[in-house]
């Protein structure tokens, strides 16, 4: 499944900040007029979706390994230690992406304040050509020899 379709813990904040649904935001991000903030926010959201998926996978693996109906002889301290390290790394990544996305959204103005498209000031362009500069009086002339 594409990260575009995976839910994240920050989806509501993105929708509130940009004033559009996620599908609309991804559509806007493909246009050349997309804001840098939108592009960065969706990139962070994509990484957040991957990190949250990893947290969920490790959590499920730990739950499966420690299920009450599991045979106790299958339990491995080494496997659980590795899963704990993996979980720590996945949680750190998730927290980092969530913090970065929250910081980006916090610095943005509300959707009602932002212009629809960037203002482009296009004034009339004047073009002119200048006549060629006159050559100096002796330009290209050979030097006279002195006796």
N, C-alpha and C. Protein backbone atom coordinates (compact mmCIF):
# COMPACT_ATOMS: atom_id res chain seq x y z
N UNK A 1 0.84 -1.18 0.00
CA UNK A 1 0.00 0.00 0.00
C UNK A 1 0.89 1.24 0.00
N UNK A 2 0.52 2.20 -0.81
CA UNK A 2 1.26 3.45 -0.92
C UNK A 2 1.10 4.27 0.37
N UNK A 3 2.13 5.05 0.70
CA UNK A 3 2.06 5.90 1.89
C UNK A 3 0.97 6.95 1.75
N UNK A 4 0.56 7.24 0.54
CA UNK A 4 -0.51 8.22 0.31
C UNK A 4 -1.80 7.73 0.97
N UNK A 5 -2.01 6.42 0.98
CA UNK A 5 -3.26 5.86 1.49
C UNK A 5 -3.17 5.37 2.93
N UNK A 6 -2.00 5.41 3.52
CA UNK A 6 -1.83 4.97 4.91
C UNK A 6 -2.17 6.11 5.85
N UNK A 7 -3.00 5.85 6.84
CA UNK A 7 -3.32 6.92 7.79
C UNK A 7 -2.13 7.17 8.72
N UNK A 8 -2.01 8.42 9.18
CA UNK A 8 -0.98 8.77 10.16
C UNK A 8 -1.62 9.54 11.31
N UNK A 9 -0.85 9.70 12.36
CA UNK A 9 -1.33 10.42 13.54
C UNK A 9 -1.45 11.92 13.30
N UNK A 10 -0.89 12.42 12.20
CA UNK A 10 -0.89 13.86 11.93
C UNK A 10 -1.83 14.27 10.80
N UNK A 11 -2.63 13.36 10.29
CA UNK A 11 -3.49 13.68 9.14
C UNK A 11 -4.48 14.81 9.44
N UNK A 12 -5.10 14.77 10.60
CA UNK A 12 -6.07 15.83 10.94
C UNK A 12 -5.39 17.20 10.99
N UNK A 13 -4.19 17.24 11.54
CA UNK A 13 -3.46 18.52 11.63
C UNK A 13 -3.14 19.05 10.23
N UNK A 14 -2.78 18.15 9.31
CA UNK A 14 -2.51 18.57 7.93
C UNK A 14 -3.76 19.14 7.27
N UNK A 15 -4.88 18.46 7.45
CA UNK A 15 -6.14 18.90 6.85
C UNK A 15 -6.52 20.27 7.41
N UNK A 16 -6.38 20.45 8.72
CA UNK A 16 -6.71 21.75 9.34
C UNK A 16 -5.77 22.84 8.84
N UNK A 17 -4.48 22.54 8.76
CA UNK A 17 -3.49 23.56 8.38
C UNK A 17 -3.65 24.03 6.94
N UNK A 18 -3.97 23.10 6.03
CA UNK A 18 -4.05 23.46 4.62
C UNK A 18 -5.48 23.66 4.13
N UNK A 19 -6.46 23.29 4.96
CA UNK A 19 -7.86 23.53 4.59
C UNK A 19 -8.36 22.67 3.44
N UNK A 20 -7.80 21.47 3.27
CA UNK A 20 -8.24 20.57 2.19
C UNK A 20 -8.01 19.13 2.64
N UNK A 21 -8.71 18.20 1.99
CA UNK A 21 -8.53 16.79 2.32
C UNK A 21 -7.15 16.31 1.84
N UNK A 22 -6.72 15.17 2.35
CA UNK A 22 -5.41 14.66 1.95
C UNK A 22 -5.33 14.38 0.46
N UNK A 23 -6.40 13.82 -0.12
CA UNK A 23 -6.36 13.54 -1.56
C UNK A 23 -6.23 14.84 -2.35
N UNK A 24 -6.90 15.91 -1.90
CA UNK A 24 -6.78 17.21 -2.56
C UNK A 24 -5.37 17.78 -2.39
N UNK A 25 -4.79 17.58 -1.20
CA UNK A 25 -3.43 18.08 -0.95
C UNK A 25 -2.41 17.38 -1.85
N UNK A 26 -2.56 16.06 -2.00
CA UNK A 26 -1.63 15.33 -2.87
C UNK A 26 -1.82 15.77 -4.33
N UNK A 27 -3.06 16.07 -4.72
CA UNK A 27 -3.30 16.55 -6.08
C UNK A 27 -2.66 17.94 -6.27
N UNK A 28 -2.80 18.80 -5.27
CA UNK A 28 -2.20 20.14 -5.35
C UNK A 28 -0.67 20.05 -5.41
N UNK A 29 -0.10 19.09 -4.70
CA UNK A 29 1.36 18.97 -4.62
C UNK A 29 1.98 18.60 -5.96
N UNK A 30 1.19 18.05 -6.87
CA UNK A 30 1.75 17.68 -8.18
C UNK A 30 1.79 18.85 -9.15
N UNK A 31 1.12 19.94 -8.80
CA UNK A 31 1.13 21.10 -9.71
C UNK A 31 2.42 21.89 -9.52
N UNK A 32 2.85 22.59 -10.56
CA UNK A 32 4.08 23.39 -10.44
C UNK A 32 3.92 24.58 -9.49
N UNK A 33 2.68 24.94 -9.18
CA UNK A 33 2.43 26.08 -8.30
C UNK A 33 2.32 25.67 -6.84
N UNK A 34 2.60 24.40 -6.52
CA UNK A 34 2.50 23.93 -5.14
C UNK A 34 3.50 24.66 -4.26
N UNK A 35 3.07 25.00 -3.06
CA UNK A 35 3.95 25.71 -2.14
C UNK A 35 5.01 24.77 -1.60
N UNK A 36 6.13 25.34 -1.22
CA UNK A 36 7.20 24.54 -0.62
C UNK A 36 6.75 23.93 0.69
N UNK A 37 5.92 24.65 1.45
CA UNK A 37 5.42 24.14 2.72
C UNK A 37 4.57 22.88 2.50
N UNK A 38 3.72 22.90 1.49
CA UNK A 38 2.88 21.73 1.20
C UNK A 38 3.74 20.55 0.79
N UNK A 39 4.69 20.78 -0.07
CA UNK A 39 5.57 19.71 -0.52
C UNK A 39 6.34 19.11 0.65
N UNK A 40 6.90 19.95 1.50
CA UNK A 40 7.65 19.46 2.66
C UNK A 40 6.74 18.73 3.64
N UNK A 41 5.56 19.27 3.86
CA UNK A 41 4.63 18.63 4.80
C UNK A 41 4.24 17.24 4.32
N UNK A 42 3.99 17.09 3.03
CA UNK A 42 3.60 15.77 2.52
C UNK A 42 4.79 14.81 2.50
N UNK A 43 5.99 15.32 2.29
CA UNK A 43 7.17 14.46 2.39
C UNK A 43 7.34 13.95 3.82
N UNK A 44 7.20 14.86 4.78
CA UNK A 44 7.29 14.44 6.18
C UNK A 44 6.18 13.46 6.54
N UNK A 45 4.98 13.70 6.02
CA UNK A 45 3.87 12.78 6.27
C UNK A 45 4.18 11.39 5.73
N UNK A 46 4.80 11.32 4.55
CA UNK A 46 5.16 10.03 3.97
C UNK A 46 6.14 9.27 4.85
N UNK A 47 7.17 9.97 5.33
CA UNK A 47 8.14 9.32 6.21
C UNK A 47 7.49 8.93 7.53
N UNK A 48 6.59 9.76 8.02
CA UNK A 48 5.87 9.44 9.26
C UNK A 48 5.03 8.18 9.08
N UNK A 49 4.38 8.04 7.94
CA UNK A 49 3.58 6.84 7.68
C UNK A 49 4.43 5.58 7.71
N UNK A 50 5.62 5.64 7.13
CA UNK A 50 6.53 4.49 7.14
C UNK A 50 6.98 4.17 8.57
N UNK A 51 7.34 5.21 9.32
CA UNK A 51 7.80 5.00 10.70
C UNK A 51 6.68 4.43 11.57
N UNK A 52 5.46 4.95 11.42
CA UNK A 52 4.35 4.43 12.21
C UNK A 52 4.01 2.99 11.84
N UNK A 53 4.19 2.64 10.57
CA UNK A 53 3.98 1.26 10.15
C UNK A 53 5.01 0.35 10.82
N UNK A 54 6.25 0.80 10.92
CA UNK A 54 7.28 0.00 11.59
C UNK A 54 6.97 -0.19 13.06
N UNK A 55 6.50 0.85 13.73
CA UNK A 55 6.12 0.75 15.14
C UNK A 55 5.02 -0.30 15.29
N UNK A 56 4.03 -0.26 14.42
CA UNK A 56 2.92 -1.21 14.49
C UNK A 56 3.40 -2.65 14.24
N UNK A 57 4.30 -2.84 13.28
CA UNK A 57 4.82 -4.19 12.99
C UNK A 57 5.58 -4.76 14.18
N UNK A 58 6.45 -3.96 14.78
CA UNK A 58 7.22 -4.45 15.93
C UNK A 58 6.29 -4.73 17.10
N UNK A 59 5.32 -3.85 17.31
CA UNK A 59 4.36 -4.05 18.39
C UNK A 59 3.63 -5.38 18.21
N UNK A 60 3.18 -5.66 16.99
CA UNK A 60 2.48 -6.92 16.72
C UNK A 60 3.40 -8.12 16.91
N UNK A 61 4.65 -7.98 16.51
CA UNK A 61 5.60 -9.08 16.69
C UNK A 61 5.82 -9.37 18.17
N UNK A 62 5.92 -8.33 18.99
CA UNK A 62 6.08 -8.51 20.44
C UNK A 62 4.82 -9.12 21.04
N UNK A 63 3.66 -8.65 20.60
CA UNK A 63 2.39 -9.21 21.11
C UNK A 63 2.28 -10.69 20.75
N UNK A 64 2.65 -11.03 19.52
CA UNK A 64 2.58 -12.43 19.10
C UNK A 64 3.54 -13.30 19.91
N UNK A 65 4.74 -12.80 20.14
CA UNK A 65 5.74 -13.58 20.88
C UNK A 65 5.36 -13.78 22.33
N UNK A 66 4.62 -12.84 22.90
CA UNK A 66 4.27 -12.91 24.33
C UNK A 66 2.80 -13.25 24.56
N UNK A 67 2.13 -13.78 23.53
CA UNK A 67 0.71 -14.13 23.67
C UNK A 67 0.54 -15.21 24.75
N UNK A 68 -0.55 -15.13 25.45
CA UNK A 68 -0.82 -16.06 26.56
C UNK A 68 -0.91 -17.51 26.08
N UNK A 69 -1.39 -17.74 24.89
CA UNK A 69 -1.55 -19.12 24.40
C UNK A 69 -0.30 -19.65 23.71
N UNK A 70 0.77 -18.90 23.69
CA UNK A 70 2.04 -19.31 23.07
C UNK A 70 2.78 -20.27 23.99
N UNK A 71 3.52 -21.19 23.42
CA UNK A 71 4.33 -22.11 24.20
C UNK A 71 5.52 -21.35 24.78
N UNK A 72 5.74 -21.47 26.08
CA UNK A 72 6.79 -20.70 26.76
C UNK A 72 8.19 -21.04 26.26
N UNK A 73 8.38 -22.24 25.73
CA UNK A 73 9.69 -22.65 25.23
C UNK A 73 10.11 -21.88 23.98
N UNK A 74 9.15 -21.27 23.28
CA UNK A 74 9.45 -20.49 22.08
C UNK A 74 9.92 -19.08 22.40
N UNK A 75 9.73 -18.63 23.62
CA UNK A 75 10.09 -17.28 24.03
C UNK A 75 11.61 -17.14 24.08
N UNK A 76 12.14 -16.11 23.45
CA UNK A 76 13.58 -15.90 23.40
C UNK A 76 13.92 -14.50 23.92
N UNK A 77 14.78 -14.46 24.92
CA UNK A 77 15.20 -13.18 25.47
C UNK A 77 15.96 -12.37 24.42
N UNK A 78 16.76 -13.04 23.60
CA UNK A 78 17.51 -12.33 22.56
C UNK A 78 16.56 -11.70 21.54
N UNK A 79 15.53 -12.45 21.13
CA UNK A 79 14.57 -11.90 20.17
C UNK A 79 13.82 -10.71 20.76
N UNK A 80 13.43 -10.83 22.03
CA UNK A 80 12.72 -9.72 22.67
C UNK A 80 13.63 -8.50 22.85
N UNK A 81 14.89 -8.73 23.15
CA UNK A 81 15.85 -7.63 23.29
C UNK A 81 16.03 -6.92 21.95
N UNK A 82 16.16 -7.73 20.87
CA UNK A 82 16.28 -7.15 19.54
C UNK A 82 15.02 -6.36 19.18
N UNK A 83 13.85 -6.93 19.48
CA UNK A 83 12.59 -6.22 19.19
C UNK A 83 12.49 -4.93 20.00
N UNK A 84 12.99 -4.94 21.23
CA UNK A 84 12.97 -3.72 22.05
C UNK A 84 13.86 -2.64 21.43
N UNK A 85 15.03 -3.04 20.92
CA UNK A 85 15.91 -2.07 20.25
C UNK A 85 15.27 -1.55 18.97
N UNK A 86 14.65 -2.45 18.22
CA UNK A 86 13.98 -2.07 16.99
C UNK A 86 12.83 -1.10 17.29
N UNK A 87 12.08 -1.41 18.35
CA UNK A 87 10.96 -0.54 18.75
C UNK A 87 11.47 0.84 19.15
N UNK A 88 12.58 0.88 19.87
CA UNK A 88 13.15 2.16 20.28
C UNK A 88 13.54 3.00 19.07
N UNK A 89 14.16 2.38 18.09
CA UNK A 89 14.55 3.09 16.88
C UNK A 89 13.32 3.56 16.09
N UNK A 90 12.32 2.70 15.98
CA UNK A 90 11.10 3.07 15.23
C UNK A 90 10.36 4.21 15.93
N UNK A 91 10.30 4.16 17.26
CA UNK A 91 9.63 5.24 18.00
C UNK A 91 10.40 6.55 17.89
N UNK A 92 11.71 6.48 17.91
CA UNK A 92 12.52 7.70 17.77
C UNK A 92 12.29 8.32 16.39
N UNK A 93 12.25 7.49 15.35
CA UNK A 93 12.00 8.00 14.00
C UNK A 93 10.60 8.62 13.92
N UNK A 94 9.62 7.91 14.45
CA UNK A 94 8.25 8.44 14.41
C UNK A 94 8.16 9.77 15.15
N UNK A 95 8.76 9.84 16.33
CA UNK A 95 8.72 11.08 17.11
C UNK A 95 9.43 12.22 16.39
N UNK A 96 10.53 11.92 15.73
CA UNK A 96 11.27 12.94 14.98
C UNK A 96 10.45 13.49 13.83
N UNK A 97 9.84 12.62 13.05
CA UNK A 97 9.02 13.08 11.91
C UNK A 97 7.79 13.84 12.40
N UNK A 98 7.15 13.34 13.46
CA UNK A 98 5.96 14.02 13.98
C UNK A 98 6.33 15.40 14.51
N UNK A 99 7.46 15.51 15.19
CA UNK A 99 7.90 16.80 15.72
C UNK A 99 8.22 17.78 14.58
N UNK A 100 8.90 17.31 13.56
CA UNK A 100 9.23 18.16 12.42
C UNK A 100 7.97 18.64 11.71
N UNK A 101 7.01 17.74 11.52
CA UNK A 101 5.76 18.11 10.85
C UNK A 101 4.96 19.09 11.70
N UNK A 102 4.89 18.85 12.99
CA UNK A 102 4.18 19.76 13.89
C UNK A 102 4.84 21.15 13.86
N UNK A 103 6.16 21.19 13.88
CA UNK A 103 6.86 22.47 13.81
C UNK A 103 6.59 23.21 12.52
N UNK A 104 6.58 22.49 11.41
CA UNK A 104 6.28 23.11 10.11
C UNK A 104 4.86 23.67 10.10
N UNK A 105 3.91 22.89 10.57
CA UNK A 105 2.51 23.34 10.56
C UNK A 105 2.28 24.50 11.52
N UNK A 106 3.01 24.54 12.60
CA UNK A 106 2.86 25.61 13.59
C UNK A 106 3.31 26.95 13.03
N UNK A 107 4.26 26.96 12.12
CA UNK A 107 4.79 28.21 11.58
C UNK A 107 3.97 28.75 10.42
N UNK A 108 3.00 27.98 9.96
CA UNK A 108 2.20 28.41 8.81
C UNK A 108 1.04 29.30 9.23
N UNK A 109 0.67 30.26 8.39
CA UNK A 109 -0.52 31.06 8.69
C UNK A 109 -1.77 30.21 8.47
N UNK A 110 -2.91 30.62 9.06
CA UNK A 110 -4.15 29.87 8.86
C UNK A 110 -4.53 29.83 7.37
N UNK A 111 -5.29 28.81 6.93
CA UNK A 111 -5.63 28.69 5.51
C UNK A 111 -6.35 29.91 4.94
N UNK A 112 -7.17 30.59 5.73
CA UNK A 112 -7.93 31.74 5.23
C UNK A 112 -7.02 32.92 4.89
N UNK A 113 -5.85 32.99 5.49
CA UNK A 113 -4.95 34.12 5.30
C UNK A 113 -4.10 33.95 4.05
N UNK A 114 -3.80 32.72 3.68
CA UNK A 114 -2.92 32.45 2.54
C UNK A 114 -3.59 32.75 1.22
N UNK A 115 -2.88 33.35 0.27
CA UNK A 115 -3.45 33.57 -1.05
C UNK A 115 -3.59 32.23 -1.79
N UNK A 116 -4.55 32.18 -2.71
CA UNK A 116 -4.76 30.96 -3.49
C UNK A 116 -3.52 30.62 -4.30
N UNK A 117 -3.01 31.60 -5.00
CA UNK A 117 -1.80 31.39 -5.79
C UNK A 117 -0.83 32.52 -5.49
N UNK A 118 0.44 32.29 -5.67
CA UNK A 118 1.39 33.38 -5.43
C UNK A 118 1.12 34.54 -6.37
N UNK A 119 1.27 35.73 -5.85
CA UNK A 119 1.05 36.93 -6.65
C UNK A 119 2.23 37.09 -7.61
N UNK A 120 1.91 37.29 -8.86
CA UNK A 120 2.95 37.52 -9.86
C UNK A 120 2.74 38.91 -10.45
N UNK A 121 3.73 39.73 -10.26
CA UNK A 121 3.65 41.08 -10.79
C UNK A 121 4.33 41.09 -12.14
N UNK A 122 3.53 41.28 -13.16
CA UNK A 122 4.08 41.30 -14.52
C UNK A 122 3.82 42.67 -15.12
N UNK A 123 4.83 43.47 -15.16
CA UNK A 123 4.71 44.79 -15.77
C UNK A 123 5.07 44.70 -17.24
N UNK A 124 4.78 45.74 -17.98
CA UNK A 124 5.13 45.72 -19.41
C UNK A 124 6.65 45.69 -19.57
N UNK A 125 7.08 44.97 -20.56
CA UNK A 125 8.51 44.88 -20.83
C UNK A 125 8.85 45.81 -21.99
N UNK A 126 9.85 46.63 -21.81
CA UNK A 126 10.32 47.53 -22.85
C UNK A 126 11.63 46.99 -23.38
N UNK A 127 11.69 46.89 -24.67
CA UNK A 127 12.95 46.48 -25.28
C UNK A 127 13.37 47.56 -26.25
N UNK A 128 14.63 47.78 -26.32
CA UNK A 128 15.15 48.80 -27.21
C UNK A 128 16.51 48.36 -27.73
N UNK A 129 16.86 48.86 -28.84
CA UNK A 129 18.20 48.56 -29.37
C UNK A 129 18.94 49.88 -29.50
N UNK A 130 20.16 49.84 -29.19
CA UNK A 130 21.00 51.03 -29.28
C UNK A 130 21.74 51.02 -30.60
N UNK A 131 21.94 52.20 -31.17
CA UNK A 131 22.74 52.24 -32.41
C UNK A 131 24.18 51.85 -32.08
N UNK A 132 24.89 51.33 -33.05
CA UNK A 132 26.28 50.96 -32.77
C UNK A 132 27.10 52.19 -32.40
N UNK A 133 28.03 52.00 -31.51
CA UNK A 133 28.89 53.11 -31.07
C UNK A 133 29.83 53.49 -32.21
N UNK A 134 30.08 54.79 -32.39
CA UNK A 134 31.00 55.20 -33.45
C UNK A 134 32.41 54.71 -33.13
N UNK A 135 33.10 54.33 -34.16
CA UNK A 135 34.47 53.86 -33.99
C UNK A 135 35.39 55.06 -33.79
N UNK A 136 36.47 54.91 -33.05
CA UNK A 136 37.42 56.01 -32.91
C UNK A 136 37.99 56.38 -34.28
N UNK A 137 38.47 57.58 -34.39
CA UNK A 137 38.93 58.12 -35.67
C UNK A 137 40.00 57.25 -36.32
N UNK A 138 40.90 56.73 -35.59
CA UNK A 138 42.00 55.97 -36.18
C UNK A 138 41.84 54.48 -35.93
N UNK A 139 40.65 54.01 -35.66
CA UNK A 139 40.45 52.59 -35.38
C UNK A 139 40.79 51.76 -36.59
N UNK A 140 41.62 50.79 -36.44
CA UNK A 140 41.97 49.88 -37.51
C UNK A 140 43.01 50.44 -38.47
N UNK A 141 43.39 51.69 -38.33
CA UNK A 141 44.39 52.28 -39.23
C UNK A 141 45.78 51.80 -38.84
N UNK A 142 46.62 51.61 -39.84
CA UNK A 142 47.99 51.18 -39.58
C UNK A 142 48.78 52.34 -39.04
N UNK A 143 49.70 52.05 -38.18
CA UNK A 143 50.56 53.11 -37.62
C UNK A 143 51.57 53.56 -38.66
N UNK A 144 51.76 54.82 -38.68
CA UNK A 144 52.78 55.39 -39.59
C UNK A 144 54.15 55.14 -39.01
N UNK A 145 55.10 54.85 -39.89
CA UNK A 145 56.45 54.60 -39.42
C UNK A 145 57.15 55.94 -39.20
N UNK A 146 57.96 55.97 -38.24
CA UNK A 146 58.76 57.17 -37.99
C UNK A 146 60.14 57.02 -38.63
N UNK A 147 60.59 58.09 -39.22
CA UNK A 147 61.92 58.00 -39.85
C UNK A 147 63.05 57.97 -38.87
